[in-house]
């Protein structure tokens, strides 16, 4: 079995225990926050609506990304070794790419849902039916898994002549740098995958929010505008932060002049921050979820 070596963590021996505790606590918090969000959506029938079901799928993506990253990182810290088998590296890369592509796609579908709810409220139940929702969710998962799976099949089916991963985690661009053969087909397919996913996300969110803005301005009602901004603000903040980080990360992999330290920072931040911030942002800013969680906590406290 081929053994690969990832970039060193550069953790001094005196800080190993602190780094281990920090990673364990962060991963446990991610599991706790996201599990609470999932359980709340499943348990409360009033949350069985398209927006929250899409949020449920977004949370699954966050858990997938965190689980692909943190356990391997904790093992590296404990063993002080950055070695990983080629199949394990490929699996980590696939999960992280599905997490990234799935998150962007579900955030885009959530933007469409907000557009229908605000701009076509009387037709919402007819447009966002259970059948339509299932088709949208199936489309997101199937397209992402197909595109990313094909990219990795093209990569891992080729012989490698290097074993050093020039990144803090495994991903397709880093695995492609291990290949000494012609990688033009893989590069072209990678570009097509990025263009398709990014175009879908950017066009969907841009068009829907332009329509939402026009609708809000045309109503000229402060209460309606405030409600729409409150509903969409949370989603837009999450999408923009994820999209900007993704664009910087993709650019840093394509341009050799970009500092490797900067590339690693973008790569790590897109895995660390969204899984822990998304449940907090949606849980605190979404009234239905916030009230449900607070009521559950109050019941538990009163029963003690």
Protein backbone atom coordinates (compact mmCIF):
# COMPACT_ATOMS: atom_id res chain seq x y z
CA UNK A 1 0.00 0.00 0.00
CA UNK A 2 1.38 3.41 -1.01
CA UNK A 3 2.02 5.71 1.94
CA UNK A 4 1.78 9.46 1.39
CA UNK A 5 3.12 12.28 3.57
CA UNK A 6 1.15 15.48 4.12
CA UNK A 7 2.54 18.88 5.03
CA UNK A 8 3.96 19.11 8.54
CA UNK A 9 1.78 20.68 11.22
CA UNK A 10 4.84 22.37 12.74
CA UNK A 11 3.55 21.85 16.28
CA UNK A 12 6.35 22.02 18.88
CA UNK A 13 6.45 19.08 21.35
CA UNK A 14 5.43 21.36 24.22
CA UNK A 15 2.18 22.27 22.43
CA UNK A 16 1.08 18.80 21.33
CA UNK A 17 -1.28 18.27 24.28
CA UNK A 18 -2.84 21.73 23.85
CA UNK A 19 -3.35 21.17 20.12
CA UNK A 20 -4.86 17.74 20.78
CA UNK A 21 -7.32 19.13 23.35
CA UNK A 22 -8.24 22.05 21.09
CA UNK A 23 -8.99 19.75 18.12
CA UNK A 24 -10.98 17.29 20.25
CA UNK A 25 -13.06 20.08 21.82
CA UNK A 26 -13.67 21.73 18.44
CA UNK A 27 -14.80 18.46 16.86
CA UNK A 28 -17.02 17.64 19.86
CA UNK A 29 -18.63 21.10 19.67
CA UNK A 30 -19.26 20.62 15.94
CA UNK A 31 -20.89 17.25 16.62
CA UNK A 32 -22.95 18.72 19.48
CA UNK A 33 -24.19 21.84 17.68
CA UNK A 34 -24.98 20.09 14.40
CA UNK A 35 -26.60 17.09 16.13
CA UNK A 36 -28.83 19.44 18.13
CA UNK A 37 -29.86 21.19 14.92
CA UNK A 38 -30.59 17.87 13.17
CA UNK A 39 -32.53 16.51 16.17
CA UNK A 40 -34.55 19.71 16.46
CA UNK A 41 -35.58 19.63 12.80
CA UNK A 42 -36.47 15.93 12.97
CA UNK A 43 -38.40 16.12 16.27
CA UNK A 44 -40.47 19.25 15.59
CA UNK A 45 -43.20 18.80 12.99
CA UNK A 46 -43.55 22.56 12.56
CA UNK A 47 -39.99 22.55 11.15
CA UNK A 48 -40.81 19.98 8.45
CA UNK A 49 -40.78 22.71 5.83
CA UNK A 50 -38.61 23.04 2.69
CA UNK A 51 -36.23 25.64 4.21
CA UNK A 52 -35.48 23.51 7.27
CA UNK A 53 -35.23 20.26 5.30
CA UNK A 54 -32.65 21.95 3.06
CA UNK A 55 -30.89 23.18 6.22
CA UNK A 56 -30.94 19.56 7.44
CA UNK A 57 -29.02 18.51 4.31
CA UNK A 58 -26.59 21.42 4.70
CA UNK A 59 -25.89 20.25 8.26
CA UNK A 60 -25.17 16.74 6.99
CA UNK A 61 -22.60 18.26 4.62
CA UNK A 62 -20.98 20.11 7.54
CA UNK A 63 -20.76 16.92 9.59
CA UNK A 64 -19.28 15.10 6.60
CA UNK A 65 -16.55 17.72 6.13
CA UNK A 66 -15.68 17.86 9.83
CA UNK A 67 -15.58 14.06 10.17
CA UNK A 68 -13.35 13.75 7.12
CA UNK A 69 -10.89 16.26 8.59
CA UNK A 70 -10.73 16.21 12.40
CA UNK A 71 -10.22 12.50 13.27
CA UNK A 72 -7.27 12.24 10.88
CA UNK A 73 -5.84 15.51 12.24
CA UNK A 74 -6.13 14.27 15.83
CA UNK A 75 -4.34 11.02 14.89
CA UNK A 76 -1.56 13.05 13.25
CA UNK A 77 -1.13 15.19 16.37
CA UNK A 78 -1.00 12.17 18.69
CA UNK A 79 1.37 10.12 16.53
CA UNK A 80 3.41 13.15 15.40
CA UNK A 81 3.29 11.58 11.96
CA UNK A 82 1.75 13.00 8.80
CA UNK A 83 1.71 9.72 6.93
CA UNK A 84 -1.53 8.50 5.38
CA UNK A 85 -2.32 5.65 3.04
CA UNK A 86 -3.26 6.50 -0.53
CA UNK A 87 -6.82 5.01 -0.27
CA UNK A 88 -7.45 6.90 3.01
CA UNK A 89 -6.17 10.11 1.43
CA UNK A 90 -8.43 9.65 -1.60
CA UNK A 91 -11.43 8.98 0.69
CA UNK A 92 -10.71 12.11 2.72
CA UNK A 93 -10.44 14.14 -0.48
CA UNK A 94 -13.74 12.79 -1.86
CA UNK A 95 -15.61 13.56 1.38
CA UNK A 96 -14.16 17.07 1.60
CA UNK A 97 -15.03 17.85 -2.02
CA UNK A 98 -18.58 16.49 -1.61
CA UNK A 99 -18.86 18.63 1.53
CA UNK A 100 -17.76 21.77 -0.34
CA UNK A 101 -19.84 21.18 -3.46
CA UNK A 102 -22.87 20.07 -1.47
CA UNK A 103 -22.72 23.08 0.84
CA UNK A 104 -22.60 25.55 -2.05
CA UNK A 105 -25.40 23.77 -3.91
CA UNK A 106 -27.73 23.52 -0.91
CA UNK A 107 -27.13 27.18 -0.04
CA UNK A 108 -28.13 28.00 -3.62
CA UNK A 109 -31.32 25.93 -3.42
CA UNK A 110 -32.10 27.63 -0.09
CA UNK A 111 -31.80 30.99 -1.88
CA UNK A 112 -34.37 29.80 -4.44
CA UNK A 113 -36.67 28.72 -1.63
CA UNK A 114 -36.42 32.20 -0.04
CA UNK A 115 -37.15 33.77 -3.44
CA UNK A 116 -40.36 31.77 -3.85
CA UNK A 117 -41.43 32.47 -0.23
CA UNK A 118 -40.93 36.24 -0.54
CA UNK A 119 -41.68 36.98 -4.19
CA UNK A 120 -44.43 34.40 -4.80
CA UNK A 121 -45.95 33.78 -1.34
CA UNK A 122 -49.39 32.79 -2.66
CA UNK A 123 -47.87 30.14 -4.94
CA UNK A 124 -45.28 28.88 -2.44
CA UNK A 125 -47.14 25.67 -1.51
CA UNK A 126 -47.73 24.89 -5.18
CA UNK A 127 -44.14 25.57 -6.27
CA UNK A 128 -42.25 24.08 -3.31
CA UNK A 129 -44.17 20.82 -3.03
CA UNK A 130 -42.78 17.72 -1.35
CA UNK A 131 -42.14 16.19 -4.78
CA UNK A 132 -40.22 19.27 -5.96
CA UNK A 133 -38.18 19.33 -2.76
CA UNK A 134 -37.21 15.66 -3.11
CA UNK A 135 -36.17 16.25 -6.73
CA UNK A 136 -34.02 19.26 -5.77
CA UNK A 137 -32.29 17.37 -2.95
CA UNK A 138 -31.73 14.31 -5.16
CA UNK A 139 -30.34 16.55 -7.93
CA UNK A 140 -27.84 18.23 -5.57
CA UNK A 141 -26.51 14.98 -4.10
CA UNK A 142 -26.42 13.06 -7.39
CA UNK A 143 -24.76 15.83 -9.43
CA UNK A 144 -22.12 16.49 -6.74
CA UNK A 145 -21.31 12.84 -6.16
CA UNK A 146 -21.18 12.13 -9.92
CA UNK A 147 -18.91 15.07 -10.80
CA UNK A 148 -16.58 14.69 -7.82
CA UNK A 149 -16.55 10.89 -8.04
CA UNK A 150 -15.58 11.06 -11.71
CA UNK A 151 -12.81 13.58 -10.94
CA UNK A 152 -11.28 11.27 -8.34
CA UNK A 153 -11.68 8.16 -10.50
CA UNK A 154 -9.66 9.91 -13.23
CA UNK A 155 -7.03 10.87 -10.65
CA UNK A 156 -6.60 7.61 -8.71
CA UNK A 157 -6.64 5.47 -11.87
CA UNK A 158 -3.28 7.02 -12.82
CA UNK A 159 0.12 5.94 -11.51
CA UNK A 160 1.87 8.34 -9.14
CA UNK A 161 5.60 9.02 -8.89
CA UNK A 162 5.62 11.26 -5.81
CA UNK A 163 4.40 10.78 -2.26
CA UNK A 164 4.41 14.29 -0.75
CA UNK A 165 1.01 15.98 -0.39
CA UNK A 166 1.62 19.74 -0.63
CA UNK A 167 -1.30 20.60 1.62
CA UNK A 168 -2.64 20.22 5.16
CA UNK A 169 -5.29 17.77 3.98
CA UNK A 170 -5.97 15.54 1.01
CA UNK A 171 -7.76 17.00 -2.00
CA UNK A 172 -7.90 16.41 -5.74
CA UNK A 173 -5.48 19.21 -6.81
CA UNK A 174 -2.86 17.94 -4.34
CA UNK A 175 -3.30 14.33 -5.46
CA UNK A 176 -2.93 15.39 -9.09
CA UNK A 177 0.47 16.93 -8.25
CA UNK A 178 1.69 13.42 -7.40
CA UNK A 179 1.18 12.30 -11.01
CA UNK A 180 4.04 12.56 -13.49
CA UNK A 181 1.96 11.64 -16.55
CA UNK A 182 -0.11 13.98 -18.70
CA UNK A 183 -2.92 15.39 -16.52
CA UNK A 184 -4.64 17.60 -19.09
CA UNK A 185 -7.84 15.49 -19.20
CA UNK A 186 -8.11 15.61 -15.40
CA UNK A 187 -7.44 19.34 -15.38
CA UNK A 188 -10.07 20.01 -18.03
CA UNK A 189 -12.65 17.92 -16.20
CA UNK A 190 -11.74 19.73 -12.97
CA UNK A 191 -12.31 23.08 -14.65
CA UNK A 192 -15.68 21.90 -15.99
CA UNK A 193 -16.71 20.70 -12.51
CA UNK A 194 -15.70 23.99 -10.88
CA UNK A 195 -17.42 26.07 -13.58
CA UNK A 196 -20.66 24.07 -13.33
CA UNK A 197 -20.89 24.19 -9.54
CA UNK A 198 -19.77 27.81 -9.23
CA UNK A 199 -21.96 29.04 -12.09
CA UNK A 200 -25.01 27.32 -10.64
CA UNK A 201 -24.38 28.77 -7.18
CA UNK A 202 -23.48 32.32 -8.20
CA UNK A 203 -26.23 32.69 -10.81
CA UNK A 204 -28.92 31.21 -8.58
CA UNK A 205 -28.07 33.33 -5.54
CA UNK A 206 -27.49 36.52 -7.56
CA UNK A 207 -30.73 36.29 -9.53
CA UNK A 208 -32.88 35.28 -6.56
CA UNK A 209 -31.57 38.04 -4.31
CA UNK A 210 -31.94 40.67 -7.03
CA UNK A 211 -35.58 39.56 -7.40
CA UNK A 212 -36.02 39.62 -3.60
CA UNK A 213 -34.55 43.13 -3.42
CA UNK A 214 -36.82 44.40 -6.19
CA UNK A 215 -39.86 42.86 -4.49
CA UNK A 216 -38.95 44.41 -1.13
CA UNK A 217 -38.43 47.85 -2.64
CA UNK A 218 -41.66 47.68 -4.62
CA UNK A 219 -43.77 46.89 -1.54
CA UNK A 220 -42.57 50.05 0.25
CA UNK A 221 -43.60 48.51 3.56
CA UNK A 222 -40.99 48.74 6.30
CA UNK A 223 -42.36 45.67 8.09
CA UNK A 224 -42.18 43.51 4.95
CA UNK A 225 -38.67 44.70 4.11
CA UNK A 226 -37.48 44.10 7.68
CA UNK A 227 -38.94 40.58 7.73
CA UNK A 228 -37.41 39.74 4.35
CA UNK A 229 -33.99 41.06 5.35
CA UNK A 230 -34.12 39.14 8.62
CA UNK A 231 -35.07 35.96 6.77
CA UNK A 232 -32.45 36.32 4.03
CA UNK A 233 -29.63 38.02 5.94
CA UNK A 234 -28.54 34.88 7.77
CA UNK A 235 -28.47 32.84 4.59
CA UNK A 236 -26.63 35.51 2.61
CA UNK A 237 -23.90 35.89 5.26
CA UNK A 238 -23.31 32.13 5.33
CA UNK A 239 -23.26 31.87 1.52
CA UNK A 240 -20.94 34.84 0.92
CA UNK A 241 -18.42 33.74 3.55
CA UNK A 242 -18.33 30.21 2.12
CA UNK A 243 -18.23 31.39 -1.51
CA UNK A 244 -15.44 33.94 -0.99
CA UNK A 245 -13.32 31.38 0.84
CA UNK A 246 -13.97 28.79 -1.89
CA UNK A 247 -13.01 31.18 -4.70
CA UNK A 248 -9.77 32.14 -2.93
CA UNK A 249 -8.98 28.47 -2.32
CA UNK A 250 -9.60 27.48 -5.95
CA UNK A 251 -7.52 30.40 -7.20
CA UNK A 252 -4.65 29.60 -4.86
CA UNK A 253 -4.46 26.05 -6.22
CA UNK A 254 -4.40 27.24 -9.84
CA UNK A 255 -1.79 29.98 -9.41
CA UNK A 256 1.75 28.89 -8.57
CA UNK A 257 2.65 32.41 -7.40
CA UNK A 258 0.26 32.19 -4.41
CA UNK A 259 2.01 31.61 -1.09
CA UNK A 260 1.62 28.01 0.13
CA UNK A 261 0.92 29.34 3.63
CA UNK A 262 -1.99 31.37 2.26
CA UNK A 263 -3.29 28.36 0.36
CA UNK A 264 -3.18 26.23 3.52
CA UNK A 265 -4.95 28.94 5.50
CA UNK A 266 -7.82 29.05 2.97
CA UNK A 267 -7.97 25.26 2.84
CA UNK A 268 -8.19 24.87 6.61
CA UNK A 269 -10.59 27.76 7.25
CA UNK A 270 -13.20 26.42 4.83
CA UNK A 271 -13.25 23.17 6.83
CA UNK A 272 -12.98 24.60 10.35
CA UNK A 273 -15.35 27.57 10.43
CA UNK A 274 -18.58 26.67 8.52
CA UNK A 275 -19.35 23.42 10.43
CA UNK A 276 -19.13 25.19 13.80
CA UNK A 277 -20.59 28.58 12.79
CA UNK A 278 -23.51 27.45 10.60
CA UNK A 279 -25.55 25.77 13.37
CA UNK A 280 -24.87 28.72 15.68
CA UNK A 281 -25.87 31.30 13.06
CA UNK A 282 -29.03 29.47 11.96
CA UNK A 283 -29.90 28.38 15.48
CA UNK A 284 -29.64 31.89 16.95
CA UNK A 285 -30.98 33.91 14.00
CA UNK A 286 -33.85 31.64 12.91
CA UNK A 287 -36.74 32.29 15.29
CA UNK A 288 -38.47 28.90 14.97
CA UNK A 289 -35.26 26.95 15.62
CA UNK A 290 -34.16 29.28 18.44
CA UNK A 291 -37.49 29.05 20.24
CA UNK A 292 -37.61 25.26 19.89
CA UNK A 293 -34.10 24.78 21.28
CA UNK A 294 -34.70 27.20 24.17
CA UNK A 295 -37.96 25.43 25.10
CA UNK A 296 -36.18 22.06 25.05
CA UNK A 297 -33.38 23.38 27.30
CA UNK A 298 -35.93 24.93 29.70
CA UNK A 299 -37.82 21.63 29.97
CA UNK A 300 -34.60 19.77 30.71
CA UNK A 301 -33.56 22.30 33.36
CA UNK A 302 -37.00 22.25 35.04
CA UNK A 303 -37.01 18.44 35.14
CA UNK A 304 -33.69 18.31 37.02
